[in-house]
Amino acid sequence: MAPMQFAIGERLRLRKKHPCGSFDWEVVRLGADIGLRCEKCGRRILLPRSEVERRVKQVLPRLASSEVDFFDEE
């Protein structure tokens, strides 16, 4: 099976909920490991690509450019 293709800024819904209660994450880093940022609390995690592929339940539509805050550092 071919690996899934991810892009920076893509939104993913994972199978397990984060302790803050959110299922939705944004891709912030690509490579052998995938960096994800929780959309509710802003927590960043780094997971191996194989684990992200296994945990993804749904790829969500991207936010409109007016809704993205590029200056949000947290």
PDB file of N, CA and C in Angstrom:
ATOM      1  N   MET A   1       0.836  -1.183   0.000  1.00  0.00           N
ATOM      2  CA  MET A   1       0.000   0.000   0.000  1.00  0.00           C
ATOM      3  C   MET A   1       0.886   1.254   0.000  1.00  0.00           C
ATOM      4  N   ALA A   2       0.566   2.215  -0.831  1.00  0.00           N
ATOM      5  CA  ALA A   2       1.348   3.443  -0.935  1.00  0.00           C
ATOM      6  C   ALA A   2       1.099   4.338   0.278  1.00  0.00           C
ATOM      7  N   PRO A   3       2.133   5.064   0.714  1.00  0.00           N
ATOM      8  CA  PRO A   3       1.948   5.970   1.855  1.00  0.00           C
ATOM      9  C   PRO A   3       0.979   7.097   1.513  1.00  0.00           C
ATOM     10  N   MET A   4       0.261   7.576   2.531  1.00  0.00           N
ATOM     11  CA  MET A   4      -0.654   8.704   2.332  1.00  0.00           C
ATOM     12  C   MET A   4       0.157   9.967   2.067  1.00  0.00           C
ATOM     13  N   GLN A   5      -0.409  10.860   1.289  1.00  0.00           N
ATOM     14  CA  GLN A   5       0.233  12.132   0.996  1.00  0.00           C
ATOM     15  C   GLN A   5      -0.353  13.202   1.916  1.00  0.00           C
ATOM     16  N   PHE A   6       0.511  13.908   2.628  1.00  0.00           N
ATOM     17  CA  PHE A   6       0.089  14.984   3.506  1.00  0.00           C
ATOM     18  C   PHE A   6       0.703  16.285   2.998  1.00  0.00           C
ATOM     19  N   ALA A   7       0.087  17.406   3.362  1.00  0.00           N
ATOM     20  CA  ALA A   7       0.606  18.727   3.013  1.00  0.00           C
ATOM     21  C   ALA A   7       0.524  19.622   4.244  1.00  0.00           C
ATOM     22  N   ILE A   8       1.441  20.569   4.325  1.00  0.00           N
ATOM     23  CA  ILE A   8       1.428  21.529   5.425  1.00  0.00           C
ATOM     24  C   ILE A   8       0.096  22.275   5.394  1.00  0.00           C
ATOM     25  N   GLY A   9      -0.535  22.425   6.536  1.00  0.00           N
ATOM     26  CA  GLY A   9      -1.799  23.144   6.633  1.00  0.00           C
ATOM     27  C   GLY A   9      -3.017  22.254   6.473  1.00  0.00           C
ATOM     28  N   GLU A  10      -2.809  21.003   6.097  1.00  0.00           N
ATOM     29  CA  GLU A  10      -3.930  20.078   5.944  1.00  0.00           C
ATOM     30  C   GLU A  10      -4.514  19.755   7.323  1.00  0.00           C
ATOM     31  N   ARG A  11      -5.815  19.579   7.375  1.00  0.00           N
ATOM     32  CA  ARG A  11      -6.502  19.282   8.641  1.00  0.00           C
ATOM     33  C   ARG A  11      -6.906  17.819   8.660  1.00  0.00           C
ATOM     34  N   LEU A  12      -6.663  17.159   9.797  1.00  0.00           N
ATOM     35  CA  LEU A  12      -6.960  15.741   9.943  1.00  0.00           C
ATOM     36  C   LEU A  12      -7.846  15.516  11.156  1.00  0.00           C
ATOM     37  N   ARG A  13      -8.743  14.550  11.053  1.00  0.00           N
ATOM     38  CA  ARG A  13      -9.522  14.107  12.208  1.00  0.00           C
ATOM     39  C   ARG A  13      -8.983  12.728  12.576  1.00  0.00           C
ATOM     40  N   LEU A  14      -8.478  12.603  13.825  1.00  0.00           N
ATOM     41  CA  LEU A  14      -7.908  11.343  14.281  1.00  0.00           C
ATOM     42  C   LEU A  14      -8.945  10.513  15.025  1.00  0.00           C
ATOM     43  N   ARG A  15      -8.670   9.225  15.162  1.00  0.00           N
ATOM     44  CA  ARG A  15      -9.616   8.299  15.797  1.00  0.00           C
ATOM     45  C   ARG A  15      -9.752   8.515  17.297  1.00  0.00           C
ATOM     46  N   LYS A  16      -8.647   8.827  17.968  1.00  0.00           N
ATOM     47  CA  LYS A  16      -8.689   9.031  19.409  1.00  0.00           C
ATOM     48  C   LYS A  16      -8.737  10.516  19.729  1.00  0.00           C
ATOM     49  N   LYS A  17      -9.426  10.842  20.783  1.00  0.00           N
ATOM     50  CA  LYS A  17      -9.568  12.240  21.168  1.00  0.00           C
ATOM     51  C   LYS A  17      -8.373  12.672  22.019  1.00  0.00           C
ATOM     52  N   HIS A  18      -7.938  13.916  21.828  1.00  0.00           N
ATOM     53  CA  HIS A  18      -6.880  14.523  22.630  1.00  0.00           C
ATOM     54  C   HIS A  18      -7.441  14.778  24.032  1.00  0.00           C
ATOM     55  N   PRO A  19      -6.625  14.794  25.070  1.00  0.00           N
ATOM     56  CA  PRO A  19      -7.143  15.060  26.426  1.00  0.00           C
ATOM     57  C   PRO A  19      -7.958  16.353  26.551  1.00  0.00           C
ATOM     58  N   CYS A  20      -7.743  17.325  25.670  1.00  0.00           N
ATOM     59  CA  CYS A  20      -8.514  18.568  25.730  1.00  0.00           C
ATOM     60  C   CYS A  20      -9.919  18.381  25.155  1.00  0.00           C
ATOM     61  N   GLY A  21     -10.158  17.251  24.468  1.00  0.00           N
ATOM     62  CA  GLY A  21     -11.486  16.972  23.932  1.00  0.00           C
ATOM     63  C   GLY A  21     -11.614  17.100  22.428  1.00  0.00           C
ATOM     64  N   SER A  22     -10.560  17.511  21.741  1.00  0.00           N
ATOM     65  CA  SER A  22     -10.621  17.721  20.296  1.00  0.00           C
ATOM     66  C   SER A  22     -10.138  16.492  19.529  1.00  0.00           C
ATOM     67  N   PHE A  23     -10.723  16.264  18.357  1.00  0.00           N
ATOM     68  CA  PHE A  23     -10.294  15.207  17.452  1.00  0.00           C
ATOM     69  C   PHE A  23      -9.517  15.777  16.267  1.00  0.00           C
ATOM     70  N   ASP A  24      -9.535  17.106  16.090  1.00  0.00           N
ATOM     71  CA  ASP A  24      -9.033  17.750  14.877  1.00  0.00           C
ATOM     72  C   ASP A  24      -7.626  18.313  15.069  1.00  0.00           C
ATOM     73  N   TRP A  25      -6.761  18.049  14.069  1.00  0.00           N
ATOM     74  CA  TRP A  25      -5.358  18.438  14.109  1.00  0.00           C
ATOM     75  C   TRP A  25      -4.968  19.075  12.777  1.00  0.00           C
ATOM     76  N   GLU A  26      -3.937  19.912  12.807  1.00  0.00           N
ATOM     77  CA  GLU A  26      -3.394  20.539  11.601  1.00  0.00           C
ATOM     78  C   GLU A  26      -1.962  20.057  11.404  1.00  0.00           C
ATOM     79  N   VAL A  27      -1.598  19.714  10.170  1.00  0.00           N
ATOM     80  CA  VAL A  27      -0.242  19.271   9.856  1.00  0.00           C
ATOM     81  C   VAL A  27       0.669  20.500   9.826  1.00  0.00           C
ATOM     82  N   VAL A  28       1.746  20.475  10.636  1.00  0.00           N
ATOM     83  CA  VAL A  28       2.673  21.609  10.690  1.00  0.00           C
ATOM     84  C   VAL A  28       4.094  21.234  10.292  1.00  0.00           C
ATOM     85  N   ARG A  29       4.374  19.925  10.142  1.00  0.00           N
ATOM     86  CA  ARG A  29       5.719  19.481   9.769  1.00  0.00           C
ATOM     87  C   ARG A  29       5.601  18.166   9.019  1.00  0.00           C
ATOM     88  N   LEU A  30       6.432  17.999   7.982  1.00  0.00           N
ATOM     89  CA  LEU A  30       6.430  16.771   7.187  1.00  0.00           C
ATOM     90  C   LEU A  30       7.813  16.146   7.181  1.00  0.00           C
ATOM     91  N   GLY A  31       7.853  14.857   6.971  1.00  0.00           N
ATOM     92  CA  GLY A  31       9.098  14.097   6.916  1.00  0.00           C
ATOM     93  C   GLY A  31       8.794  12.672   7.337  1.00  0.00           C
ATOM     94  N   ALA A  32       9.801  11.967   7.876  1.00  0.00           N
ATOM     95  CA  ALA A  32       9.571  10.620   8.397  1.00  0.00           C
ATOM     96  C   ALA A  32       8.601  10.707   9.575  1.00  0.00           C
ATOM     97  N   ASP A  33       8.685  11.804  10.314  1.00  0.00           N
ATOM     98  CA  ASP A  33       7.738  12.096  11.401  1.00  0.00           C
ATOM     99  C   ASP A  33       6.825  13.225  10.934  1.00  0.00           C
ATOM    100  N   ILE A  34       5.583  13.193  11.386  1.00  0.00           N
ATOM    101  CA  ILE A  34       4.609  14.226  11.033  1.00  0.00           C
ATOM    102  C   ILE A  34       4.344  15.067  12.279  1.00  0.00           C
ATOM    103  N   GLY A  35       4.477  16.376  12.145  1.00  0.00           N
ATOM    104  CA  GLY A  35       4.166  17.293  13.237  1.00  0.00           C
ATOM    105  C   GLY A  35       2.712  17.719  13.136  1.00  0.00           C
ATOM    106  N   LEU A  36       1.991  17.626  14.257  1.00  0.00           N
ATOM    107  CA  LEU A  36       0.576  17.995  14.293  1.00  0.00           C
ATOM    108  C   LEU A  36       0.347  19.021  15.391  1.00  0.00           C
ATOM    109  N   ARG A  37      -0.619  19.923  15.149  1.00  0.00           N
ATOM    110  CA  ARG A  37      -1.009  20.921  16.155  1.00  0.00           C
ATOM    111  C   ARG A  37      -2.485  20.752  16.428  1.00  0.00           C
ATOM    112  N   CYS A  38      -2.856  20.607  17.696  1.00  0.00           N
ATOM    113  CA  CYS A  38      -4.261  20.477  18.086  1.00  0.00           C
ATOM    114  C   CYS A  38      -4.974  21.792  17.777  1.00  0.00           C
ATOM    115  N   GLU A  39      -6.140  21.700  17.148  1.00  0.00           N
ATOM    116  CA  GLU A  39      -6.871  22.912  16.765  1.00  0.00           C
ATOM    117  C   GLU A  39      -7.580  23.558  17.950  1.00  0.00           C
ATOM    118  N   LYS A  40      -7.763  22.834  19.048  1.00  0.00           N
ATOM    119  CA  LYS A  40      -8.461  23.406  20.194  1.00  0.00           C
ATOM    120  C   LYS A  40      -7.489  24.052  21.185  1.00  0.00           C
ATOM    121  N   CYS A  41      -6.452  23.318  21.595  1.00  0.00           N
ATOM    122  CA  CYS A  41      -5.562  23.832  22.638  1.00  0.00           C
ATOM    123  C   CYS A  41      -4.203  24.292  22.118  1.00  0.00           C
ATOM    124  N   GLY A  42      -3.861  23.954  20.848  1.00  0.00           N
ATOM    125  CA  GLY A  42      -2.604  24.402  20.268  1.00  0.00           C
ATOM    126  C   GLY A  42      -1.409  23.523  20.586  1.00  0.00           C
ATOM    127  N   ARG A  43      -1.588  22.455  21.314  1.00  0.00           N
ATOM    128  CA  ARG A  43      -0.496  21.545  21.662  1.00  0.00           C
ATOM    129  C   ARG A  43       0.095  20.943  20.395  1.00  0.00           C
ATOM    130  N   ARG A  44       1.423  20.847  20.340  1.00  0.00           N
ATOM    131  CA  ARG A  44       2.095  20.259  19.178  1.00  0.00           C
ATOM    132  C   ARG A  44       2.661  18.905  19.551  1.00  0.00           C
ATOM    133  N   ILE A  45       2.503  17.948  18.634  1.00  0.00           N
ATOM    134  CA  ILE A  45       3.051  16.608  18.842  1.00  0.00           C
ATOM    135  C   ILE A  45       3.786  16.175  17.579  1.00  0.00           C
ATOM    136  N   LEU A  46       4.661  15.205  17.723  1.00  0.00           N
ATOM    137  CA  LEU A  46       5.415  14.647  16.613  1.00  0.00           C
ATOM    138  C   LEU A  46       5.202  13.145  16.642  1.00  0.00           C
ATOM    139  N   LEU A  47       4.613  12.600  15.578  1.00  0.00           N
ATOM    140  CA  LEU A  47       4.320  11.172  15.494  1.00  0.00           C
ATOM    141  C   LEU A  47       4.973  10.583  14.251  1.00  0.00           C
ATOM    142  N   PRO A  48       5.386   9.317  14.318  1.00  0.00           N
ATOM    143  CA  PRO A  48       5.895   8.659  13.108  1.00  0.00           C
ATOM    144  C   PRO A  48       4.804   8.627  12.037  1.00  0.00           C
ATOM    145  N   ARG A  49       5.221   8.739  10.786  1.00  0.00           N
ATOM    146  CA  ARG A  49       4.272   8.759   9.665  1.00  0.00           C
ATOM    147  C   ARG A  49       3.351   7.541   9.697  1.00  0.00           C
ATOM    148  N   SER A  50       3.886   6.359  10.002  1.00  0.00           N
ATOM    149  CA  SER A  50       3.074   5.134  10.016  1.00  0.00           C
ATOM    150  C   SER A  50       1.957   5.216  11.055  1.00  0.00           C
ATOM    151  N   GLU A  51       2.241   5.835  12.194  1.00  0.00           N
ATOM    152  CA  GLU A  51       1.221   5.963  13.241  1.00  0.00           C
ATOM    153  C   GLU A  51       0.142   6.967  12.845  1.00  0.00           C
ATOM    154  N   VAL A  52       0.531   8.068  12.205  1.00  0.00           N
ATOM    155  CA  VAL A  52      -0.450   9.059  11.750  1.00  0.00           C
ATOM    156  C   VAL A  52      -1.372   8.422  10.715  1.00  0.00           C
ATOM    157  N   GLU A  53      -0.792   7.677   9.772  1.00  0.00           N
ATOM    158  CA  GLU A  53      -1.599   7.021   8.739  1.00  0.00           C
ATOM    159  C   GLU A  53      -2.614   6.063   9.365  1.00  0.00           C
ATOM    160  N   ARG A  54      -2.216   5.364  10.415  1.00  0.00           N
ATOM    161  CA  ARG A  54      -3.102   4.420  11.088  1.00  0.00           C
ATOM    162  C   ARG A  54      -4.203   5.133  11.876  1.00  0.00           C
ATOM    163  N   ARG A  55      -3.881   6.293  12.464  1.00  0.00           N
ATOM    164  CA  ARG A  55      -4.831   7.008  13.318  1.00  0.00           C
ATOM    165  C   ARG A  55      -5.814   7.903  12.576  1.00  0.00           C
ATOM    166  N   VAL A  56      -5.511   8.265  11.316  1.00  0.00           N
ATOM    167  CA  VAL A  56      -6.371   9.195  10.571  1.00  0.00           C
ATOM    168  C   VAL A  56      -7.720   8.552  10.295  1.00  0.00           C
ATOM    169  N   LYS A  57      -8.754   9.276  10.659  1.00  0.00           N
ATOM    170  CA  LYS A  57     -10.123   8.833  10.394  1.00  0.00           C
ATOM    171  C   LYS A  57     -10.681   9.550   9.175  1.00  0.00           C
ATOM    172  N   GLN A  58     -10.334  10.841   9.036  1.00  0.00           N
ATOM    173  CA  GLN A  58     -10.903  11.662   7.970  1.00  0.00           C
ATOM    174  C   GLN A  58      -9.976  12.836   7.687  1.00  0.00           C
ATOM    175  N   VAL A  59      -9.870  13.225   6.413  1.00  0.00           N
ATOM    176  CA  VAL A  59      -9.161  14.442   6.032  1.00  0.00           C
ATOM    177  C   VAL A  59     -10.216  15.531   5.913  1.00  0.00           C
ATOM    178  N   LEU A  60     -10.059  16.602   6.676  1.00  0.00           N
ATOM    179  CA  LEU A  60     -11.038  17.689   6.719  1.00  0.00           C
ATOM    180  C   LEU A  60     -10.697  18.751   5.679  1.00  0.00           C
ATOM    181  N   PRO A  61     -11.694  19.520   5.246  1.00  0.00           N
ATOM    182  CA  PRO A  61     -11.406  20.614   4.300  1.00  0.00           C
ATOM    183  C   PRO A  61     -10.550  21.688   4.975  1.00  0.00           C
ATOM    184  N   ARG A  62      -9.728  22.322   4.171  1.00  0.00           N
ATOM    185  CA  ARG A  62      -8.869  23.392   4.696  1.00  0.00           C
ATOM    186  C   ARG A  62      -9.715  24.589   5.114  1.00  0.00           C
ATOM    187  N   LEU A  63      -9.204  25.345   6.073  1.00  0.00           N
ATOM    188  CA  LEU A  63      -9.871  26.582   6.475  1.00  0.00           C
ATOM    189  C   LEU A  63      -9.649  27.633   5.400  1.00  0.00           C
ATOM    190  N   ALA A  64     -10.588  28.539   5.257  1.00  0.00           N
ATOM    191  CA  ALA A  64     -10.420  29.657   4.330  1.00  0.00           C
ATOM    192  C   ALA A  64      -9.239  30.498   4.810  1.00  0.00           C
ATOM    193  N   SER A  65      -8.541  31.131   3.895  1.00  0.00           N
ATOM    194  CA  SER A  65      -7.338  31.884   4.259  1.00  0.00           C
ATOM    195  C   SER A  65      -7.620  32.993   5.266  1.00  0.00           C
ATOM    196  N   SER A  66      -8.845  33.514   5.304  1.00  0.00           N
ATOM    197  CA  SER A  66      -9.173  34.575   6.267  1.00  0.00           C
ATOM    198  C   SER A  66      -9.307  34.016   7.683  1.00  0.00           C
ATOM    199  N   GLU A  67      -9.530  32.705   7.816  1.00  0.00           N
ATOM    200  CA  GLU A  67      -9.687  32.103   9.130  1.00  0.00           C
ATOM    201  C   GLU A  67      -8.362  31.653   9.735  1.00  0.00           C
ATOM    202  N   VAL A  68      -7.293  31.580   8.937  1.00  0.00           N
ATOM    203  CA  VAL A  68      -6.000  31.124   9.416  1.00  0.00           C
ATOM    204  C   VAL A  68      -5.266  32.294  10.044  1.00  0.00           C
ATOM    205  N   ASP A  69      -4.739  32.096  11.258  1.00  0.00           N
ATOM    206  CA  ASP A  69      -3.975  33.122  11.957  1.00  0.00           C
ATOM    207  C   ASP A  69      -2.503  32.745  11.931  1.00  0.00           C
ATOM    208  N   PHE A  70      -1.720  33.359  11.016  1.00  0.00           N
ATOM    209  CA  PHE A  70      -0.319  33.016  10.866  1.00  0.00           C
ATOM    210  C   PHE A  70       0.531  33.519  12.027  1.00  0.00           C
ATOM    211  N   PHE A  71       0.008  34.410  12.851  1.00  0.00           N
ATOM    212  CA  PHE A  71       0.768  34.950  13.951  1.00  0.00           C
ATOM    213  C   PHE A  71       0.480  34.239  15.258  1.00  0.00           C
ATOM    214  N   ASP A  72      -0.315  33.181  15.213  1.00  0.00           N
ATOM    215  CA  ASP A  72      -0.631  32.391  16.395  1.00  0.00           C
ATOM    216  C   ASP A  72       0.530  31.447  16.656  1.00  0.00           C
ATOM    217  N   GLU A  73       1.353  31.751  17.629  1.00  0.00           N
ATOM    218  CA  GLU A  73       2.533  30.962  17.918  1.00  0.00           C
ATOM    219  C   GLU A  73       2.266  29.814  18.872  1.00  0.00           C
ATOM    220  N   GLU A  74       1.167  29.798  19.562  1.00  0.00           N
ATOM    221  CA  GLU A  74       0.911  28.756  20.547  1.00  0.00           C
ATOM    222  C   GLU A  74       0.241  27.592  19.960  1.00  0.00           C
TER     223      GLU A  74
END
